[in-house]
Amino acid sequence: MGSSRGQRLSGMQKQVLSLYRGFLRAARSKSQEERRNIESVVSQEFRRNAKDVDRKNFLYIEYLLRRGNKQLDQLRNPGTTAISSLQLHFSKTDQAG
């Protein structure tokens, strides 16, 4: 897994990957149907943000990380059985800040 080839990941990239893995781990504690739903929503959200968010917009990425960590904490609660996608629509000028 830890190949010395390729580009090194930044601290923020490591945080994003850690958050993604955290969601997948938390999904394992849910029922099979809930797990599939959670994995689907998480995958869609991460892919959408990877495509739509400017990689140099650190403030917005940090916001998404904070929001994601709060959602992950909630998902880890045994009473939580699902997760939903929150669609926030920002124009390119809103994200530039």
PDB file of N, CA and C in Angstrom:
ATOM      1  N   MET A   1       0.816  -1.194   0.000  1.00  0.00           N
ATOM      2  CA  MET A   1       0.000   0.000   0.000  1.00  0.00           C
ATOM      3  C   MET A   1       0.857   1.255   0.000  1.00  0.00           C
ATOM      4  N   GLY A   2       1.928   1.294   0.755  1.00  0.00           N
ATOM      5  CA  GLY A   2       2.755   2.486   0.848  1.00  0.00           C
ATOM      6  C   GLY A   2       3.854   2.508  -0.190  1.00  0.00           C
ATOM      7  N   SER A   3       3.504   2.681  -1.419  1.00  0.00           N
ATOM      8  CA  SER A   3       4.472   2.688  -2.503  1.00  0.00           C
ATOM      9  C   SER A   3       5.288   3.971  -2.477  1.00  0.00           C
ATOM     10  N   SER A   4       6.572   3.850  -2.766  1.00  0.00           N
ATOM     11  CA  SER A   4       7.432   5.028  -2.781  1.00  0.00           C
ATOM     12  C   SER A   4       7.347   5.754  -4.116  1.00  0.00           C
ATOM     13  N   ARG A   5       6.663   5.174  -5.068  1.00  0.00           N
ATOM     14  CA  ARG A   5       6.494   5.822  -6.369  1.00  0.00           C
ATOM     15  C   ARG A   5       5.316   6.777  -6.334  1.00  0.00           C
ATOM     16  N   GLY A   6       5.278   7.643  -7.324  1.00  0.00           N
ATOM     17  CA  GLY A   6       4.140   8.549  -7.442  1.00  0.00           C
ATOM     18  C   GLY A   6       4.293   9.791  -6.595  1.00  0.00           C
ATOM     19  N   GLN A   7       3.282  10.599  -6.676  1.00  0.00           N
ATOM     20  CA  GLN A   7       3.279  11.879  -5.987  1.00  0.00           C
ATOM     21  C   GLN A   7       2.868  11.693  -4.528  1.00  0.00           C
ATOM     22  N   ARG A   8       3.549  12.409  -3.640  1.00  0.00           N
ATOM     23  CA  ARG A   8       3.180  12.358  -2.225  1.00  0.00           C
ATOM     24  C   ARG A   8       1.884  13.115  -2.015  1.00  0.00           C
ATOM     25  N   LEU A   9       1.119  12.638  -1.059  1.00  0.00           N
ATOM     26  CA  LEU A   9      -0.152  13.289  -0.756  1.00  0.00           C
ATOM     27  C   LEU A   9       0.062  14.432   0.224  1.00  0.00           C
ATOM     28  N   SER A  10      -0.685  15.499   0.030  1.00  0.00           N
ATOM     29  CA  SER A  10      -0.634  16.623   0.965  1.00  0.00           C
ATOM     30  C   SER A  10      -1.378  16.229   2.237  1.00  0.00           C
ATOM     31  N   GLY A  11      -1.225  17.022   3.265  1.00  0.00           N
ATOM     32  CA  GLY A  11      -1.932  16.775   4.514  1.00  0.00           C
ATOM     33  C   GLY A  11      -3.436  16.780   4.324  1.00  0.00           C
ATOM     34  N   MET A  12      -3.925  17.694   3.500  1.00  0.00           N
ATOM     35  CA  MET A  12      -5.362  17.784   3.268  1.00  0.00           C
ATOM     36  C   MET A  12      -5.859  16.565   2.494  1.00  0.00           C
ATOM     37  N   GLN A  13      -5.090  16.098   1.519  1.00  0.00           N
ATOM     38  CA  GLN A  13      -5.472  14.902   0.772  1.00  0.00           C
ATOM     39  C   GLN A  13      -5.539  13.692   1.703  1.00  0.00           C
ATOM     40  N   LYS A  14      -4.604  13.609   2.634  1.00  0.00           N
ATOM     41  CA  LYS A  14      -4.613  12.511   3.604  1.00  0.00           C
ATOM     42  C   LYS A  14      -5.854  12.586   4.486  1.00  0.00           C
ATOM     43  N   GLN A  15      -6.255  13.808   4.853  1.00  0.00           N
ATOM     44  CA  GLN A  15      -7.461  13.979   5.672  1.00  0.00           C
ATOM     45  C   GLN A  15      -8.706  13.520   4.915  1.00  0.00           C
ATOM     46  N   VAL A  16      -8.765  13.845   3.625  1.00  0.00           N
ATOM     47  CA  VAL A  16      -9.911  13.446   2.807  1.00  0.00           C
ATOM     48  C   VAL A  16      -9.979  11.922   2.704  1.00  0.00           C
ATOM     49  N   LEU A  17      -8.843  11.286   2.428  1.00  0.00           N
ATOM     50  CA  LEU A  17      -8.821   9.822   2.335  1.00  0.00           C
ATOM     51  C   LEU A  17      -9.167   9.173   3.666  1.00  0.00           C
ATOM     52  N   SER A  18      -8.680   9.746   4.750  1.00  0.00           N
ATOM     53  CA  SER A  18      -8.985   9.222   6.075  1.00  0.00           C
ATOM     54  C   SER A  18     -10.483   9.324   6.367  1.00  0.00           C
ATOM     55  N   LEU A  19     -11.083  10.432   5.988  1.00  0.00           N
ATOM     56  CA  LEU A  19     -12.520  10.615   6.180  1.00  0.00           C
ATOM     57  C   LEU A  19     -13.295   9.580   5.366  1.00  0.00           C
ATOM     58  N   TYR A  20     -12.898   9.379   4.120  1.00  0.00           N
ATOM     59  CA  TYR A  20     -13.565   8.399   3.253  1.00  0.00           C
ATOM     60  C   TYR A  20     -13.481   6.998   3.866  1.00  0.00           C
ATOM     61  N   ARG A  21     -12.287   6.620   4.300  1.00  0.00           N
ATOM     62  CA  ARG A  21     -12.110   5.304   4.934  1.00  0.00           C
ATOM     63  C   ARG A  21     -12.936   5.202   6.215  1.00  0.00           C
ATOM     64  N   GLY A  22     -13.023   6.297   6.962  1.00  0.00           N
ATOM     65  CA  GLY A  22     -13.830   6.307   8.178  1.00  0.00           C
ATOM     66  C   GLY A  22     -15.298   6.022   7.888  1.00  0.00           C
ATOM     67  N   PHE A  23     -15.821   6.620   6.812  1.00  0.00           N
ATOM     68  CA  PHE A  23     -17.206   6.353   6.433  1.00  0.00           C
ATOM     69  C   PHE A  23     -17.396   4.882   6.073  1.00  0.00           C
ATOM     70  N   LEU A  24     -16.451   4.321   5.318  1.00  0.00           N
ATOM     71  CA  LEU A  24     -16.574   2.913   4.930  1.00  0.00           C
ATOM     72  C   LEU A  24     -16.501   2.000   6.146  1.00  0.00           C
ATOM     73  N   ARG A  25     -15.632   2.329   7.090  1.00  0.00           N
ATOM     74  CA  ARG A  25     -15.542   1.530   8.323  1.00  0.00           C
ATOM     75  C   ARG A  25     -16.833   1.627   9.134  1.00  0.00           C
ATOM     76  N   ALA A  26     -17.359   2.828   9.257  1.00  0.00           N
ATOM     77  CA  ALA A  26     -18.596   3.019  10.021  1.00  0.00           C
ATOM     78  C   ALA A  26     -19.758   2.280   9.361  1.00  0.00           C
ATOM     79  N   ALA A  27     -19.753   2.217   8.043  1.00  0.00           N
ATOM     80  CA  ALA A  27     -20.830   1.527   7.322  1.00  0.00           C
ATOM     81  C   ALA A  27     -20.834   0.035   7.632  1.00  0.00           C
ATOM     82  N   ARG A  28     -19.668  -0.514   7.955  1.00  0.00           N
ATOM     83  CA  ARG A  28     -19.578  -1.951   8.252  1.00  0.00           C
ATOM     84  C   ARG A  28     -20.391  -2.351   9.473  1.00  0.00           C
ATOM     85  N   SER A  29     -20.646  -1.402  10.367  1.00  0.00           N
ATOM     86  CA  SER A  29     -21.379  -1.726  11.596  1.00  0.00           C
ATOM     87  C   SER A  29     -22.895  -1.713  11.389  1.00  0.00           C
ATOM     88  N   LYS A  30     -23.338  -1.375  10.190  1.00  0.00           N
ATOM     89  CA  LYS A  30     -24.772  -1.294   9.898  1.00  0.00           C
ATOM     90  C   LYS A  30     -25.228  -2.565   9.183  1.00  0.00           C
ATOM     91  N   SER A  31     -26.541  -2.708   9.005  1.00  0.00           N
ATOM     92  CA  SER A  31     -27.072  -3.874   8.291  1.00  0.00           C
ATOM     93  C   SER A  31     -26.601  -3.839   6.836  1.00  0.00           C
ATOM     94  N   GLN A  32     -26.720  -4.967   6.154  1.00  0.00           N
ATOM     95  CA  GLN A  32     -26.240  -5.071   4.771  1.00  0.00           C
ATOM     96  C   GLN A  32     -26.895  -4.034   3.865  1.00  0.00           C
ATOM     97  N   GLU A  33     -28.206  -3.871   3.988  1.00  0.00           N
ATOM     98  CA  GLU A  33     -28.916  -2.901   3.152  1.00  0.00           C
ATOM     99  C   GLU A  33     -28.477  -1.475   3.483  1.00  0.00           C
ATOM    100  N   GLU A  34     -28.384  -1.155   4.768  1.00  0.00           N
ATOM    101  CA  GLU A  34     -27.943   0.178   5.182  1.00  0.00           C
ATOM    102  C   GLU A  34     -26.518   0.428   4.714  1.00  0.00           C
ATOM    103  N   ARG A  35     -25.680  -0.594   4.820  1.00  0.00           N
ATOM    104  CA  ARG A  35     -24.282  -0.466   4.408  1.00  0.00           C
ATOM    105  C   ARG A  35     -24.181  -0.121   2.925  1.00  0.00           C
ATOM    106  N   ARG A  36     -24.938  -0.822   2.088  1.00  0.00           N
ATOM    107  CA  ARG A  36     -24.903  -0.537   0.642  1.00  0.00           C
ATOM    108  C   ARG A  36     -25.358   0.890   0.365  1.00  0.00           C
ATOM    109  N   ASN A  37     -26.418   1.332   1.035  1.00  0.00           N
ATOM    110  CA  ASN A  37     -26.923   2.688   0.844  1.00  0.00           C
ATOM    111  C   ASN A  37     -25.884   3.723   1.280  1.00  0.00           C
ATOM    112  N   ILE A  38     -25.288   3.507   2.437  1.00  0.00           N
ATOM    113  CA  ILE A  38     -24.283   4.443   2.955  1.00  0.00           C
ATOM    114  C   ILE A  38     -23.087   4.507   2.015  1.00  0.00           C
ATOM    115  N   GLU A  39     -22.588   3.349   1.590  1.00  0.00           N
ATOM    116  CA  GLU A  39     -21.433   3.325   0.689  1.00  0.00           C
ATOM    117  C   GLU A  39     -21.740   4.031  -0.624  1.00  0.00           C
ATOM    118  N   SER A  40     -22.961   3.872  -1.123  1.00  0.00           N
ATOM    119  CA  SER A  40     -23.359   4.526  -2.364  1.00  0.00           C
ATOM    120  C   SER A  40     -23.383   6.046  -2.209  1.00  0.00           C
ATOM    121  N   VAL A  41     -24.012   6.529  -1.143  1.00  0.00           N
ATOM    122  CA  VAL A  41     -24.102   7.977  -0.910  1.00  0.00           C
ATOM    123  C   VAL A  41     -22.708   8.570  -0.708  1.00  0.00           C
ATOM    124  N   VAL A  42     -21.883   7.897   0.095  1.00  0.00           N
ATOM    125  CA  VAL A  42     -20.532   8.400   0.378  1.00  0.00           C
ATOM    126  C   VAL A  42     -19.714   8.462  -0.910  1.00  0.00           C
ATOM    127  N   SER A  43     -19.765   7.398  -1.696  1.00  0.00           N
ATOM    128  CA  SER A  43     -19.015   7.366  -2.948  1.00  0.00           C
ATOM    129  C   SER A  43     -19.460   8.488  -3.885  1.00  0.00           C
ATOM    130  N   GLN A  44     -20.770   8.662  -4.026  1.00  0.00           N
ATOM    131  CA  GLN A  44     -21.294   9.721  -4.892  1.00  0.00           C
ATOM    132  C   GLN A  44     -20.851  11.101  -4.422  1.00  0.00           C
ATOM    133  N   GLU A  45     -20.934  11.344  -3.115  1.00  0.00           N
ATOM    134  CA  GLU A  45     -20.550  12.653  -2.572  1.00  0.00           C
ATOM    135  C   GLU A  45     -19.071  12.946  -2.808  1.00  0.00           C
ATOM    136  N   PHE A  46     -18.215  11.971  -2.512  1.00  0.00           N
ATOM    137  CA  PHE A  46     -16.783  12.191  -2.676  1.00  0.00           C
ATOM    138  C   PHE A  46     -16.425  12.380  -4.147  1.00  0.00           C
ATOM    139  N   ARG A  47     -17.020  11.593  -5.030  1.00  0.00           N
ATOM    140  CA  ARG A  47     -16.740  11.745  -6.468  1.00  0.00           C
ATOM    141  C   ARG A  47     -17.236  13.090  -6.987  1.00  0.00           C
ATOM    142  N   ARG A  48     -18.432  13.484  -6.558  1.00  0.00           N
ATOM    143  CA  ARG A  48     -18.980  14.770  -7.012  1.00  0.00           C
ATOM    144  C   ARG A  48     -18.090  15.919  -6.556  1.00  0.00           C
ATOM    145  N   ASN A  49     -17.684  15.892  -5.294  1.00  0.00           N
ATOM    146  CA  ASN A  49     -16.836  16.965  -4.789  1.00  0.00           C
ATOM    147  C   ASN A  49     -15.455  16.944  -5.434  1.00  0.00           C
ATOM    148  N   ALA A  50     -14.925  15.757  -5.720  1.00  0.00           N
ATOM    149  CA  ALA A  50     -13.624  15.675  -6.389  1.00  0.00           C
ATOM    150  C   ALA A  50     -13.688  16.327  -7.764  1.00  0.00           C
ATOM    151  N   LYS A  51     -14.843  16.203  -8.416  1.00  0.00           N
ATOM    152  CA  LYS A  51     -15.008  16.764  -9.753  1.00  0.00           C
ATOM    153  C   LYS A  51     -15.340  18.254  -9.710  1.00  0.00           C
ATOM    154  N   ASP A  52     -16.186  18.654  -8.766  1.00  0.00           N
ATOM    155  CA  ASP A  52     -16.745  20.009  -8.779  1.00  0.00           C
ATOM    156  C   ASP A  52     -15.975  21.047  -7.974  1.00  0.00           C
ATOM    157  N   VAL A  53     -15.209  20.629  -6.986  1.00  0.00           N
ATOM    158  CA  VAL A  53     -14.555  21.587  -6.089  1.00  0.00           C
ATOM    159  C   VAL A  53     -13.146  21.891  -6.591  1.00  0.00           C
ATOM    160  N   ASP A  54     -12.839  23.170  -6.668  1.00  0.00           N
ATOM    161  CA  ASP A  54     -11.499  23.605  -7.066  1.00  0.00           C
ATOM    162  C   ASP A  54     -10.493  23.148  -6.012  1.00  0.00           C
ATOM    163  N   ARG A  55      -9.467  22.444  -6.431  1.00  0.00           N
ATOM    164  CA  ARG A  55      -8.484  21.878  -5.498  1.00  0.00           C
ATOM    165  C   ARG A  55      -7.676  22.939  -4.761  1.00  0.00           C
ATOM    166  N   LYS A  56      -7.727  24.166  -5.235  1.00  0.00           N
ATOM    167  CA  LYS A  56      -6.988  25.243  -4.569  1.00  0.00           C
ATOM    168  C   LYS A  56      -7.873  26.034  -3.607  1.00  0.00           C
ATOM    169  N   ASN A  57      -9.120  25.668  -3.513  1.00  0.00           N
ATOM    170  CA  ASN A  57     -10.060  26.357  -2.623  1.00  0.00           C
ATOM    171  C   ASN A  57     -10.004  25.691  -1.249  1.00  0.00           C
ATOM    172  N   PHE A  58      -8.941  25.974  -0.521  1.00  0.00           N
ATOM    173  CA  PHE A  58      -8.671  25.303   0.744  1.00  0.00           C
ATOM    174  C   PHE A  58      -9.733  25.582   1.802  1.00  0.00           C
ATOM    175  N   LEU A  59     -10.260  26.791   1.817  1.00  0.00           N
ATOM    176  CA  LEU A  59     -11.287  27.120   2.813  1.00  0.00           C
ATOM    177  C   LEU A  59     -12.529  26.254   2.627  1.00  0.00           C
ATOM    178  N   TYR A  60     -12.956  26.094   1.383  1.00  0.00           N
ATOM    179  CA  TYR A  60     -14.143  25.289   1.113  1.00  0.00           C
ATOM    180  C   TYR A  60     -13.873  23.808   1.394  1.00  0.00           C
ATOM    181  N   ILE A  61     -12.689  23.329   1.050  1.00  0.00           N
ATOM    182  CA  ILE A  61     -12.334  21.932   1.325  1.00  0.00           C
ATOM    183  C   ILE A  61     -12.295  21.695   2.831  1.00  0.00           C
ATOM    184  N   GLU A  62     -11.736  22.641   3.575  1.00  0.00           N
ATOM    185  CA  GLU A  62     -11.717  22.508   5.039  1.00  0.00           C
ATOM    186  C   GLU A  62     -13.137  22.483   5.598  1.00  0.00           C
ATOM    187  N   TYR A  63     -14.012  23.298   5.030  1.00  0.00           N
ATOM    188  CA  TYR A  63     -15.416  23.283   5.444  1.00  0.00           C
ATOM    189  C   TYR A  63     -16.034  21.905   5.185  1.00  0.00           C
ATOM    190  N   LEU A  64     -15.786  21.353   3.984  1.00  0.00           N
ATOM    191  CA  LEU A  64     -16.328  20.032   3.656  1.00  0.00           C
ATOM    192  C   LEU A  64     -15.774  18.959   4.588  1.00  0.00           C
ATOM    193  N   LEU A  65     -14.507  19.075   4.960  1.00  0.00           N
ATOM    194  CA  LEU A  65     -13.915  18.118   5.900  1.00  0.00           C
ATOM    195  C   LEU A  65     -14.591  18.210   7.270  1.00  0.00           C
ATOM    196  N   ARG A  66     -14.816  19.432   7.749  1.00  0.00           N
ATOM    197  CA  ARG A  66     -15.497  19.599   9.041  1.00  0.00           C
ATOM    198  C   ARG A  66     -16.906  19.023   8.990  1.00  0.00           C
ATOM    199  N   ARG A  67     -17.624  19.341   7.927  1.00  0.00           N
ATOM    200  CA  ARG A  67     -18.986  18.827   7.770  1.00  0.00           C
ATOM    201  C   ARG A  67     -18.981  17.299   7.683  1.00  0.00           C
ATOM    202  N   GLY A  68     -18.033  16.759   6.931  1.00  0.00           N
ATOM    203  CA  GLY A  68     -17.933  15.309   6.796  1.00  0.00           C
ATOM    204  C   GLY A  68     -17.612  14.630   8.114  1.00  0.00           C
ATOM    205  N   ASN A  69     -16.729  15.230   8.900  1.00  0.00           N
ATOM    206  CA  ASN A  69     -16.392  14.643  10.202  1.00  0.00           C
ATOM    207  C   ASN A  69     -17.588  14.658  11.149  1.00  0.00           C
ATOM    208  N   LYS A  70     -18.401  15.705  11.082  1.00  0.00           N
ATOM    209  CA  LYS A  70     -19.616  15.747  11.903  1.00  0.00           C
ATOM    210  C   LYS A  70     -20.590  14.655  11.465  1.00  0.00           C
ATOM    211  N   GLN A  71     -20.726  14.478  10.148  1.00  0.00           N
ATOM    212  CA  GLN A  71     -21.607  13.425   9.639  1.00  0.00           C
ATOM    213  C   GLN A  71     -21.084  12.047  10.039  1.00  0.00           C
ATOM    214  N   LEU A  72     -19.767  11.875  10.008  1.00  0.00           N
ATOM    215  CA  LEU A  72     -19.173  10.593  10.386  1.00  0.00           C
ATOM    216  C   LEU A  72     -19.417  10.305  11.860  1.00  0.00           C
ATOM    217  N   ASP A  73     -19.250  11.308  12.708  1.00  0.00           N
ATOM    218  CA  ASP A  73     -19.534  11.124  14.137  1.00  0.00           C
ATOM    219  C   ASP A  73     -20.982  10.691  14.348  1.00  0.00           C
ATOM    220  N   GLN A  74     -21.878  11.305  13.607  1.00  0.00           N
ATOM    221  CA  GLN A  74     -23.289  10.949  13.722  1.00  0.00           C
ATOM    222  C   GLN A  74     -23.527   9.527  13.215  1.00  0.00           C
ATOM    223  N   LEU A  75     -22.876   9.151  12.119  1.00  0.00           N
ATOM    224  CA  LEU A  75     -23.047   7.815  11.555  1.00  0.00           C
ATOM    225  C   LEU A  75     -22.526   6.739  12.498  1.00  0.00           C
ATOM    226  N   ARG A  76     -21.512   7.060  13.271  1.00  0.00           N
ATOM    227  CA  ARG A  76     -20.956   6.092  14.220  1.00  0.00           C
ATOM    228  C   ARG A  76     -21.908   5.801  15.375  1.00  0.00           C
ATOM    229  N   ASN A  77     -22.888   6.659  15.581  1.00  0.00           N
ATOM    230  CA  ASN A  77     -23.896   6.444  16.617  1.00  0.00           C
ATOM    231  C   ASN A  77     -24.701   5.201  16.238  1.00  0.00           C
ATOM    232  N   PRO A  78     -24.822   4.234  17.150  1.00  0.00           N
ATOM    233  CA  PRO A  78     -25.547   2.997  16.826  1.00  0.00           C
ATOM    234  C   PRO A  78     -26.997   3.221  16.392  1.00  0.00           C
ATOM    235  N   GLY A  79     -27.606   4.308  16.820  1.00  0.00           N
ATOM    236  CA  GLY A  79     -28.990   4.586  16.445  1.00  0.00           C
ATOM    237  C   GLY A  79     -29.155   5.126  15.041  1.00  0.00           C
ATOM    238  N   THR A  80     -28.079   5.556  14.417  1.00  0.00           N
ATOM    239  CA  THR A  80     -28.140   6.099  13.066  1.00  0.00           C
ATOM    240  C   THR A  80     -28.100   4.951  12.071  1.00  0.00           C
ATOM    241  N   THR A  81     -29.088   4.929  11.176  1.00  0.00           N
ATOM    242  CA  THR A  81     -29.174   3.817  10.230  1.00  0.00           C
ATOM    243  C   THR A  81     -29.021   4.246   8.780  1.00  0.00           C
ATOM    244  N   ALA A  82     -28.904   5.542   8.523  1.00  0.00           N
ATOM    245  CA  ALA A  82     -28.795   5.998   7.139  1.00  0.00           C
ATOM    246  C   ALA A  82     -28.065   7.325   7.094  1.00  0.00           C
ATOM    247  N   ILE A  83     -27.679   7.682   5.898  1.00  0.00           N
ATOM    248  CA  ILE A  83     -27.020   8.965   5.660  1.00  0.00           C
ATOM    249  C   ILE A  83     -27.606   9.513   4.368  1.00  0.00           C
ATOM    250  N   SER A  84     -27.738  10.815   4.295  1.00  0.00           N
ATOM    251  CA  SER A  84     -28.261  11.403   3.070  1.00  0.00           C
ATOM    252  C   SER A  84     -27.268  12.413   2.537  1.00  0.00           C
ATOM    253  N   SER A  85     -27.421  12.696   1.283  1.00  0.00           N
ATOM    254  CA  SER A  85     -26.555  13.649   0.615  1.00  0.00           C
ATOM    255  C   SER A  85     -27.152  15.037   0.761  1.00  0.00           C
ATOM    256  N   LEU A  86     -26.318  15.986   1.110  1.00  0.00           N
ATOM    257  CA  LEU A  86     -26.749  17.369   1.217  1.00  0.00           C
ATOM    258  C   LEU A  86     -26.195  18.112   0.013  1.00  0.00           C
ATOM    259  N   GLN A  87     -27.068  18.576  -0.827  1.00  0.00           N
ATOM    260  CA  GLN A  87     -26.648  19.264  -2.035  1.00  0.00           C
ATOM    261  C   GLN A  87     -26.531  20.763  -1.758  1.00  0.00           C
ATOM    262  N   LEU A  88     -25.323  21.253  -1.773  1.00  0.00           N
ATOM    263  CA  LEU A  88     -25.081  22.686  -1.649  1.00  0.00           C
ATOM    264  C   LEU A  88     -24.645  23.189  -3.012  1.00  0.00           C
ATOM    265  N   HIS A  89     -25.285  24.218  -3.471  1.00  0.00           N
ATOM    266  CA  HIS A  89     -24.958  24.742  -4.791  1.00  0.00           C
ATOM    267  C   HIS A  89     -24.274  26.091  -4.637  1.00  0.00           C
ATOM    268  N   PHE A  90     -23.021  26.134  -5.030  1.00  0.00           N
ATOM    269  CA  PHE A  90     -22.248  27.359  -5.005  1.00  0.00           C
ATOM    270  C   PHE A  90     -21.816  27.663  -6.425  1.00  0.00           C
ATOM    271  N   SER A  91     -21.817  28.923  -6.759  1.00  0.00           N
ATOM    272  CA  SER A  91     -21.280  29.298  -8.062  1.00  0.00           C
ATOM    273  C   SER A  91     -19.762  29.284  -7.968  1.00  0.00           C
ATOM    274  N   LYS A  92     -19.109  29.311  -9.081  1.00  0.00           N
ATOM    275  CA  LYS A  92     -17.642  29.315  -9.096  1.00  0.00           C
ATOM    276  C   LYS A  92     -17.091  30.527  -8.349  1.00  0.00           C
ATOM    277  N   THR A  93     -17.795  31.650  -8.382  1.00  0.00           N
ATOM    278  CA  THR A  93     -17.315  32.836  -7.671  1.00  0.00           C
ATOM    279  C   THR A  93     -17.455  32.666  -6.172  1.00  0.00           C
ATOM    280  N   ASP A  94     -18.503  31.948  -5.716  1.00  0.00           N
ATOM    281  CA  ASP A  94     -18.663  31.685  -4.286  1.00  0.00           C
ATOM    282  C   ASP A  94     -17.527  30.815  -3.776  1.00  0.00           C
ATOM    283  N   GLN A  95     -17.076  29.864  -4.579  1.00  0.00           N
ATOM    284  CA  GLN A  95     -16.031  28.939  -4.167  1.00  0.00           C
ATOM    285  C   GLN A  95     -14.645  29.561  -4.254  1.00  0.00           C
ATOM    286  N   ALA A  96     -14.500  30.639  -4.971  1.00  0.00           N
ATOM    287  CA  ALA A  96     -13.183  31.235  -5.176  1.00  0.00           C
ATOM    288  C   ALA A  96     -12.637  31.878  -3.914  1.00  0.00           C
ATOM    289  N   GLY A  97     -13.492  32.241  -2.965  1.00  0.00           N
ATOM    290  CA  GLY A  97     -13.114  32.972  -1.771  1.00  0.00           C
ATOM    291  C   GLY A  97     -12.298  32.206  -0.859  1.00  0.00           C
TER     292      GLY A  97
END
